[in-house]
Amino acid sequence: MEATEKKERTVIHLQIGDVHEYYGSIANIYEFHSSEELGITYGSLRNYGLSPSKPYQNSKCTIRKGVLHQKAGGRGIKKVNI
């Protein structure tokens, strides 16, 4: 049996005050929050170069980028008996 490969998935962590929210992409944040709420536009945040070692922070929010760690699974893979 072969080991399944784990895909690395990005997670964007948004903190506004004591509220923590998690998104799958930078663009997804702007579906729920406006540039005025965050204090930065979508284009500027993309140009900022958000990375795990370089979070974005201003007086309104903190935005971090991380990796979602998940268990390797075999769901959906058919086993072949030989």
PDB file of N, CA and C in Angstrom:
ATOM      1  N   MET A   1       0.843  -1.172   0.000  1.00  0.00           N
ATOM      2  CA  MET A   1       0.000   0.000   0.000  1.00  0.00           C
ATOM      3  C   MET A   1       0.897   1.246   0.000  1.00  0.00           C
ATOM      4  N   GLU A   2       0.579   2.191  -0.868  1.00  0.00           N
ATOM      5  CA  GLU A   2       1.375   3.411  -0.959  1.00  0.00           C
ATOM      6  C   GLU A   2       0.846   4.452   0.017  1.00  0.00           C
ATOM      7  N   ALA A   3       1.770   5.242   0.537  1.00  0.00           N
ATOM      8  CA  ALA A   3       1.366   6.339   1.426  1.00  0.00           C
ATOM      9  C   ALA A   3       0.776   7.457   0.581  1.00  0.00           C
ATOM     10  N   THR A   4      -0.309   8.041   1.044  1.00  0.00           N
ATOM     11  CA  THR A   4      -0.913   9.147   0.304  1.00  0.00           C
ATOM     12  C   THR A   4      -0.164  10.431   0.618  1.00  0.00           C
ATOM     13  N   GLU A   5      -0.074  11.273  -0.394  1.00  0.00           N
ATOM     14  CA  GLU A   5       0.609  12.550  -0.205  1.00  0.00           C
ATOM     15  C   GLU A   5      -0.337  13.542   0.453  1.00  0.00           C
ATOM     16  N   LYS A   6       0.214  14.333   1.357  1.00  0.00           N
ATOM     17  CA  LYS A   6      -0.580  15.384   1.981  1.00  0.00           C
ATOM     18  C   LYS A   6      -0.398  16.662   1.175  1.00  0.00           C
ATOM     19  N   LYS A   7      -1.503  17.320   0.878  1.00  0.00           N
ATOM     20  CA  LYS A   7      -1.439  18.608   0.197  1.00  0.00           C
ATOM     21  C   LYS A   7      -1.304  19.681   1.251  1.00  0.00           C
ATOM     22  N   GLU A   8      -0.452  20.641   0.980  1.00  0.00           N
ATOM     23  CA  GLU A   8      -0.278  21.762   1.903  1.00  0.00           C
ATOM     24  C   GLU A   8      -1.365  22.782   1.617  1.00  0.00           C
ATOM     25  N   ARG A   9      -2.146  23.127   2.623  1.00  0.00           N
ATOM     26  CA  ARG A   9      -3.230  24.074   2.458  1.00  0.00           C
ATOM     27  C   ARG A   9      -2.933  25.336   3.250  1.00  0.00           C
ATOM     28  N   THR A  10      -3.176  26.460   2.617  1.00  0.00           N
ATOM     29  CA  THR A  10      -2.944  27.760   3.234  1.00  0.00           C
ATOM     30  C   THR A  10      -4.173  28.185   4.021  1.00  0.00           C
ATOM     31  N   VAL A  11      -3.936  28.821   5.149  1.00  0.00           N
ATOM     32  CA  VAL A  11      -5.022  29.401   5.934  1.00  0.00           C
ATOM     33  C   VAL A  11      -4.620  30.838   6.268  1.00  0.00           C
ATOM     34  N   ILE A  12      -5.584  31.743   6.145  1.00  0.00           N
ATOM     35  CA  ILE A  12      -5.355  33.154   6.469  1.00  0.00           C
ATOM     36  C   ILE A  12      -6.100  33.443   7.766  1.00  0.00           C
ATOM     37  N   HIS A  13      -5.375  33.922   8.755  1.00  0.00           N
ATOM     38  CA  HIS A  13      -5.931  34.204  10.081  1.00  0.00           C
ATOM     39  C   HIS A  13      -6.110  35.713  10.210  1.00  0.00           C
ATOM     40  N   LEU A  14      -7.335  36.140  10.428  1.00  0.00           N
ATOM     41  CA  LEU A  14      -7.658  37.555  10.611  1.00  0.00           C
ATOM     42  C   LEU A  14      -8.038  37.783  12.060  1.00  0.00           C
ATOM     43  N   GLN A  15      -7.381  38.741  12.686  1.00  0.00           N
ATOM     44  CA  GLN A  15      -7.711  39.108  14.063  1.00  0.00           C
ATOM     45  C   GLN A  15      -8.107  40.570  14.091  1.00  0.00           C
ATOM     46  N   ILE A  16      -9.350  40.813  14.519  1.00  0.00           N
ATOM     47  CA  ILE A  16      -9.844  42.174  14.723  1.00  0.00           C
ATOM     48  C   ILE A  16     -10.242  42.257  16.187  1.00  0.00           C
ATOM     49  N   GLY A  17      -9.456  42.931  16.977  1.00  0.00           N
ATOM     50  CA  GLY A  17      -9.698  42.982  18.422  1.00  0.00           C
ATOM     51  C   GLY A  17      -9.535  41.593  19.014  1.00  0.00           C
ATOM     52  N   ASP A  18     -10.579  41.114  19.694  1.00  0.00           N
ATOM     53  CA  ASP A  18     -10.552  39.774  20.284  1.00  0.00           C
ATOM     54  C   ASP A  18     -11.204  38.724  19.386  1.00  0.00           C
ATOM     55  N   VAL A  19     -11.610  39.114  18.186  1.00  0.00           N
ATOM     56  CA  VAL A  19     -12.276  38.197  17.263  1.00  0.00           C
ATOM     57  C   VAL A  19     -11.248  37.588  16.308  1.00  0.00           C
ATOM     58  N   HIS A  20     -11.277  36.261  16.184  1.00  0.00           N
ATOM     59  CA  HIS A  20     -10.375  35.541  15.299  1.00  0.00           C
ATOM     60  C   HIS A  20     -11.204  34.843  14.236  1.00  0.00           C
ATOM     61  N   GLU A  21     -10.832  35.038  12.973  1.00  0.00           N
ATOM     62  CA  GLU A  21     -11.531  34.402  11.856  1.00  0.00           C
ATOM     63  C   GLU A  21     -10.497  33.769  10.940  1.00  0.00           C
ATOM     64  N   TYR A  22     -10.902  32.711  10.243  1.00  0.00           N
ATOM     65  CA  TYR A  22      -9.974  31.959   9.397  1.00  0.00           C
ATOM     66  C   TYR A  22     -10.558  31.838   7.998  1.00  0.00           C
ATOM     67  N   TYR A  23      -9.709  32.056   6.999  1.00  0.00           N
ATOM     68  CA  TYR A  23     -10.136  32.063   5.605  1.00  0.00           C
ATOM     69  C   TYR A  23      -9.172  31.226   4.766  1.00  0.00           C
ATOM     70  N   GLY A  24      -9.655  30.811   3.603  1.00  0.00           N
ATOM     71  CA  GLY A  24      -8.846  30.011   2.701  1.00  0.00           C
ATOM     72  C   GLY A  24      -7.978  30.834   1.771  1.00  0.00           C
ATOM     73  N   SER A  25      -8.256  32.128   1.650  1.00  0.00           N
ATOM     74  CA  SER A  25      -7.460  32.987   0.775  1.00  0.00           C
ATOM     75  C   SER A  25      -7.618  34.439   1.197  1.00  0.00           C
ATOM     76  N   ILE A  26      -6.736  35.270   0.699  1.00  0.00           N
ATOM     77  CA  ILE A  26      -6.820  36.708   0.969  1.00  0.00           C
ATOM     78  C   ILE A  26      -8.103  37.269   0.366  1.00  0.00           C
ATOM     79  N   ALA A  27      -8.431  36.845  -0.850  1.00  0.00           N
ATOM     80  CA  ALA A  27      -9.630  37.346  -1.525  1.00  0.00           C
ATOM     81  C   ALA A  27     -10.888  37.032  -0.720  1.00  0.00           C
ATOM     82  N   ASN A  28     -10.913  35.886  -0.059  1.00  0.00           N
ATOM     83  CA  ASN A  28     -12.080  35.470   0.717  1.00  0.00           C
ATOM     84  C   ASN A  28     -12.367  36.414   1.881  1.00  0.00           C
ATOM     85  N   ILE A  29     -11.344  37.024   2.451  1.00  0.00           N
ATOM     86  CA  ILE A  29     -11.521  37.986   3.546  1.00  0.00           C
ATOM     87  C   ILE A  29     -12.406  39.145   3.092  1.00  0.00           C
ATOM     88  N   TYR A  30     -12.184  39.600   1.849  1.00  0.00           N
ATOM     89  CA  TYR A  30     -12.891  40.776   1.343  1.00  0.00           C
ATOM     90  C   TYR A  30     -14.329  40.471   0.934  1.00  0.00           C
ATOM     91  N   GLU A  31     -14.751  39.216   0.985  1.00  0.00           N
ATOM     92  CA  GLU A  31     -16.155  38.887   0.785  1.00  0.00           C
ATOM     93  C   GLU A  31     -16.947  39.162   2.064  1.00  0.00           C
ATOM     94  N   PHE A  32     -16.254  39.224   3.203  1.00  0.00           N
ATOM     95  CA  PHE A  32     -16.910  39.418   4.492  1.00  0.00           C
ATOM     96  C   PHE A  32     -16.563  40.753   5.156  1.00  0.00           C
ATOM     97  N   HIS A  33     -15.469  41.376   4.747  1.00  0.00           N
ATOM     98  CA  HIS A  33     -15.025  42.629   5.349  1.00  0.00           C
ATOM     99  C   HIS A  33     -14.643  43.623   4.259  1.00  0.00           C
ATOM    100  N   SER A  34     -14.863  44.890   4.533  1.00  0.00           N
ATOM    101  CA  SER A  34     -14.510  45.940   3.570  1.00  0.00           C
ATOM    102  C   SER A  34     -13.078  46.417   3.822  1.00  0.00           C
ATOM    103  N   SER A  35     -12.536  47.105   2.841  1.00  0.00           N
ATOM    104  CA  SER A  35     -11.200  47.687   2.972  1.00  0.00           C
ATOM    105  C   SER A  35     -11.150  48.687   4.124  1.00  0.00           C
ATOM    106  N   GLU A  36     -12.258  49.385   4.348  1.00  0.00           N
ATOM    107  CA  GLU A  36     -12.318  50.366   5.432  1.00  0.00           C
ATOM    108  C   GLU A  36     -12.240  49.674   6.795  1.00  0.00           C
ATOM    109  N   GLU A  37     -12.905  48.522   6.931  1.00  0.00           N
ATOM    110  CA  GLU A  37     -12.850  47.773   8.192  1.00  0.00           C
ATOM    111  C   GLU A  37     -11.436  47.275   8.489  1.00  0.00           C
ATOM    112  N   LEU A  38     -10.743  46.839   7.436  1.00  0.00           N
ATOM    113  CA  LEU A  38      -9.419  46.239   7.605  1.00  0.00           C
ATOM    114  C   LEU A  38      -8.284  47.259   7.585  1.00  0.00           C
ATOM    115  N   GLY A  39      -8.536  48.393   6.970  1.00  0.00           N
ATOM    116  CA  GLY A  39      -7.497  49.419   6.890  1.00  0.00           C
ATOM    117  C   GLY A  39      -6.472  49.162   5.802  1.00  0.00           C
ATOM    118  N   ILE A  40      -6.789  48.271   4.856  1.00  0.00           N
ATOM    119  CA  ILE A  40      -5.906  47.980   3.724  1.00  0.00           C
ATOM    120  C   ILE A  40      -6.756  47.423   2.587  1.00  0.00           C
ATOM    121  N   THR A  41      -6.416  47.789   1.357  1.00  0.00           N
ATOM    122  CA  THR A  41      -7.155  47.275   0.206  1.00  0.00           C
ATOM    123  C   THR A  41      -6.635  45.895  -0.168  1.00  0.00           C
ATOM    124  N   TYR A  42      -7.433  45.189  -0.959  1.00  0.00           N
ATOM    125  CA  TYR A  42      -7.060  43.854  -1.416  1.00  0.00           C
ATOM    126  C   TYR A  42      -5.741  43.892  -2.192  1.00  0.00           C
ATOM    127  N   GLY A  43      -5.629  44.830  -3.121  1.00  0.00           N
ATOM    128  CA  GLY A  43      -4.410  44.939  -3.936  1.00  0.00           C
ATOM    129  C   GLY A  43      -3.174  45.232  -3.092  1.00  0.00           C
ATOM    130  N   SER A  44      -3.321  46.114  -2.127  1.00  0.00           N
ATOM    131  CA  SER A  44      -2.186  46.454  -1.262  1.00  0.00           C
ATOM    132  C   SER A  44      -1.765  45.267  -0.398  1.00  0.00           C
ATOM    133  N   LEU A  45      -2.739  44.490   0.079  1.00  0.00           N
ATOM    134  CA  LEU A  45      -2.408  43.320   0.896  1.00  0.00           C
ATOM    135  C   LEU A  45      -1.713  42.255   0.055  1.00  0.00           C
ATOM    136  N   ARG A  46      -2.156  42.075  -1.180  1.00  0.00           N
ATOM    137  CA  ARG A  46      -1.470  41.123  -2.071  1.00  0.00           C
ATOM    138  C   ARG A  46      -0.041  41.577  -2.344  1.00  0.00           C
ATOM    139  N   ASN A  47       0.149  42.872  -2.567  1.00  0.00           N
ATOM    140  CA  ASN A  47       1.487  43.396  -2.841  1.00  0.00           C
ATOM    141  C   ASN A  47       2.385  43.373  -1.608  1.00  0.00           C
ATOM    142  N   TYR A  48       1.794  43.331  -0.428  1.00  0.00           N
ATOM    143  CA  TYR A  48       2.553  43.328   0.825  1.00  0.00           C
ATOM    144  C   TYR A  48       3.448  42.102   0.933  1.00  0.00           C
ATOM    145  N   GLY A  49       3.008  40.992   0.387  1.00  0.00           N
ATOM    146  CA  GLY A  49       3.809  39.769   0.456  1.00  0.00           C
ATOM    147  C   GLY A  49       3.598  39.018   1.759  1.00  0.00           C
ATOM    148  N   LEU A  50       2.340  38.835   2.140  1.00  0.00           N
ATOM    149  CA  LEU A  50       1.983  38.118   3.359  1.00  0.00           C
ATOM    150  C   LEU A  50       2.607  36.725   3.345  1.00  0.00           C
ATOM    151  N   SER A  51       3.250  36.352   4.444  1.00  0.00           N
ATOM    152  CA  SER A  51       3.864  35.030   4.564  1.00  0.00           C
ATOM    153  C   SER A  51       3.866  34.632   6.037  1.00  0.00           C
ATOM    154  N   PRO A  52       4.151  33.358   6.339  1.00  0.00           N
ATOM    155  CA  PRO A  52       4.184  32.942   7.746  1.00  0.00           C
ATOM    156  C   PRO A  52       5.167  33.764   8.588  1.00  0.00           C
ATOM    157  N   SER A  53       6.235  34.210   7.980  1.00  0.00           N
ATOM    158  CA  SER A  53       7.219  34.993   8.727  1.00  0.00           C
ATOM    159  C   SER A  53       7.002  36.502   8.615  1.00  0.00           C
ATOM    160  N   LYS A  54       6.005  36.917   7.822  1.00  0.00           N
ATOM    161  CA  LYS A  54       5.759  38.344   7.617  1.00  0.00           C
ATOM    162  C   LYS A  54       4.254  38.642   7.692  1.00  0.00           C
ATOM    163  N   PRO A  55       3.688  38.707   8.910  1.00  0.00           N
ATOM    164  CA  PRO A  55       2.268  39.046   9.050  1.00  0.00           C
ATOM    165  C   PRO A  55       2.045  40.536   8.786  1.00  0.00           C
ATOM    166  N   TYR A  56       0.797  40.885   8.456  1.00  0.00           N
ATOM    167  CA  TYR A  56       0.439  42.290   8.270  1.00  0.00           C
ATOM    168  C   TYR A  56      -0.261  42.770   9.533  1.00  0.00           C
ATOM    169  N   GLN A  57       0.101  43.967  10.002  1.00  0.00           N
ATOM    170  CA  GLN A  57      -0.533  44.507  11.201  1.00  0.00           C
ATOM    171  C   GLN A  57      -0.694  46.013  11.059  1.00  0.00           C
ATOM    172  N   ASN A  58      -1.873  46.499  11.447  1.00  0.00           N
ATOM    173  CA  ASN A  58      -2.109  47.932  11.543  1.00  0.00           C
ATOM    174  C   ASN A  58      -2.957  48.183  12.787  1.00  0.00           C
ATOM    175  N   SER A  59      -3.481  49.389  12.949  1.00  0.00           N
ATOM    176  CA  SER A  59      -4.258  49.695  14.158  1.00  0.00           C
ATOM    177  C   SER A  59      -5.624  49.025  14.173  1.00  0.00           C
ATOM    178  N   LYS A  60      -6.088  48.496  13.030  1.00  0.00           N
ATOM    179  CA  LYS A  60      -7.415  47.894  12.953  1.00  0.00           C
ATOM    180  C   LYS A  60      -7.405  46.371  13.025  1.00  0.00           C
ATOM    181  N   CYS A  61      -6.356  45.733  12.496  1.00  0.00           N
ATOM    182  CA  CYS A  61      -6.357  44.275  12.434  1.00  0.00           C
ATOM    183  C   CYS A  61      -4.940  43.710  12.310  1.00  0.00           C
ATOM    184  N   THR A  62      -4.860  42.401  12.461  1.00  0.00           N
ATOM    185  CA  THR A  62      -3.637  41.643  12.190  1.00  0.00           C
ATOM    186  C   THR A  62      -4.037  40.506  11.267  1.00  0.00           C
ATOM    187  N   ILE A  63      -3.265  40.329  10.196  1.00  0.00           N
ATOM    188  CA  ILE A  63      -3.544  39.265   9.236  1.00  0.00           C
ATOM    189  C   ILE A  63      -2.295  38.410   9.132  1.00  0.00           C
ATOM    190  N   ARG A  64      -2.465  37.111   9.376  1.00  0.00           N
ATOM    191  CA  ARG A  64      -1.345  36.173   9.322  1.00  0.00           C
ATOM    192  C   ARG A  64      -1.634  35.095   8.290  1.00  0.00           C
ATOM    193  N   LYS A  65      -0.585  34.540   7.729  1.00  0.00           N
ATOM    194  CA  LYS A  65      -0.720  33.442   6.786  1.00  0.00           C
ATOM    195  C   LYS A  65      -0.058  32.221   7.393  1.00  0.00           C
ATOM    196  N   GLY A  66      -0.703  31.078   7.312  1.00  0.00           N
ATOM    197  CA  GLY A  66      -0.141  29.866   7.872  1.00  0.00           C
ATOM    198  C   GLY A  66      -0.473  28.655   7.035  1.00  0.00           C
ATOM    199  N   VAL A  67      -0.062  27.506   7.525  1.00  0.00           N
ATOM    200  CA  VAL A  67      -0.316  26.243   6.851  1.00  0.00           C
ATOM    201  C   VAL A  67      -1.251  25.419   7.716  1.00  0.00           C
ATOM    202  N   LEU A  68      -2.269  24.871   7.101  1.00  0.00           N
ATOM    203  CA  LEU A  68      -3.205  24.005   7.801  1.00  0.00           C
ATOM    204  C   LEU A  68      -2.615  22.598   7.818  1.00  0.00           C
ATOM    205  N   HIS A  69      -2.332  22.094   8.998  1.00  0.00           N
ATOM    206  CA  HIS A  69      -1.774  20.751   9.139  1.00  0.00           C
ATOM    207  C   HIS A  69      -2.929  19.762   9.199  1.00  0.00           C
ATOM    208  N   GLN A  70      -2.847  18.729   8.380  1.00  0.00           N
ATOM    209  CA  GLN A  70      -3.908  17.743   8.388  1.00  0.00           C
ATOM    210  C   GLN A  70      -3.355  16.339   8.235  1.00  0.00           C
ATOM    211  N   LYS A  71      -4.112  15.412   8.702  1.00  0.00           N
ATOM    212  CA  LYS A  71      -3.736  14.015   8.674  1.00  0.00           C
ATOM    213  C   LYS A  71      -3.800  13.492   7.244  1.00  0.00           C
ATOM    214  N   ALA A  72      -2.837  12.671   6.875  1.00  0.00           N
ATOM    215  CA  ALA A  72      -2.875  12.031   5.571  1.00  0.00           C
ATOM    216  C   ALA A  72      -3.980  10.995   5.600  1.00  0.00           C
ATOM    217  N   GLY A  73      -4.789  11.001   4.581  1.00  0.00           N
ATOM    218  CA  GLY A  73      -5.908  10.080   4.566  1.00  0.00           C
ATOM    219  C   GLY A  73      -5.978   9.314   3.275  1.00  0.00           C
ATOM    220  N   GLY A  74      -6.776   8.298   3.267  1.00  0.00           N
ATOM    221  CA  GLY A  74      -6.926   7.491   2.074  1.00  0.00           C
ATOM    222  C   GLY A  74      -8.355   7.436   1.583  1.00  0.00           C
ATOM    223  N   ARG A  75      -9.162   8.383   2.024  1.00  0.00           N
ATOM    224  CA  ARG A  75     -10.569   8.389   1.608  1.00  0.00           C
ATOM    225  C   ARG A  75     -10.670   8.593   0.102  1.00  0.00           C
ATOM    226  N   GLY A  76     -11.542   7.821  -0.510  1.00  0.00           N
ATOM    227  CA  GLY A  76     -11.784   7.974  -1.925  1.00  0.00           C
ATOM    228  C   GLY A  76     -10.805   7.224  -2.810  1.00  0.00           C
ATOM    229  N   ILE A  77      -9.829   6.554  -2.222  1.00  0.00           N
ATOM    230  CA  ILE A  77      -8.849   5.800  -3.001  1.00  0.00           C
ATOM    231  C   ILE A  77      -9.248   4.334  -2.980  1.00  0.00           C
ATOM    232  N   LYS A  78      -9.404   3.778  -4.168  1.00  0.00           N
ATOM    233  CA  LYS A  78      -9.805   2.371  -4.251  1.00  0.00           C
ATOM    234  C   LYS A  78      -8.589   1.490  -4.041  1.00  0.00           C
ATOM    235  N   LYS A  79      -8.777   0.456  -3.247  1.00  0.00           N
ATOM    236  CA  LYS A  79      -7.709  -0.507  -2.999  1.00  0.00           C
ATOM    237  C   LYS A  79      -7.833  -1.635  -4.007  1.00  0.00           C
ATOM    238  N   VAL A  80      -6.703  -2.020  -4.556  1.00  0.00           N
ATOM    239  CA  VAL A  80      -6.693  -3.083  -5.547  1.00  0.00           C
ATOM    240  C   VAL A  80      -6.107  -4.329  -4.911  1.00  0.00           C
ATOM    241  N   ASN A  81      -6.846  -5.417  -4.956  1.00  0.00           N
ATOM    242  CA  ASN A  81      -6.344  -6.697  -4.430  1.00  0.00           C
ATOM    243  C   ASN A  81      -5.620  -7.439  -5.556  1.00  0.00           C
ATOM    244  N   ILE A  82      -4.405  -7.868  -5.257  1.00  0.00           N
ATOM    245  CA  ILE A  82      -3.621  -8.595  -6.257  1.00  0.00           C
ATOM    246  C   ILE A  82      -3.463 -10.031  -5.843  1.00  0.00           C
TER     247      ILE A  82
END
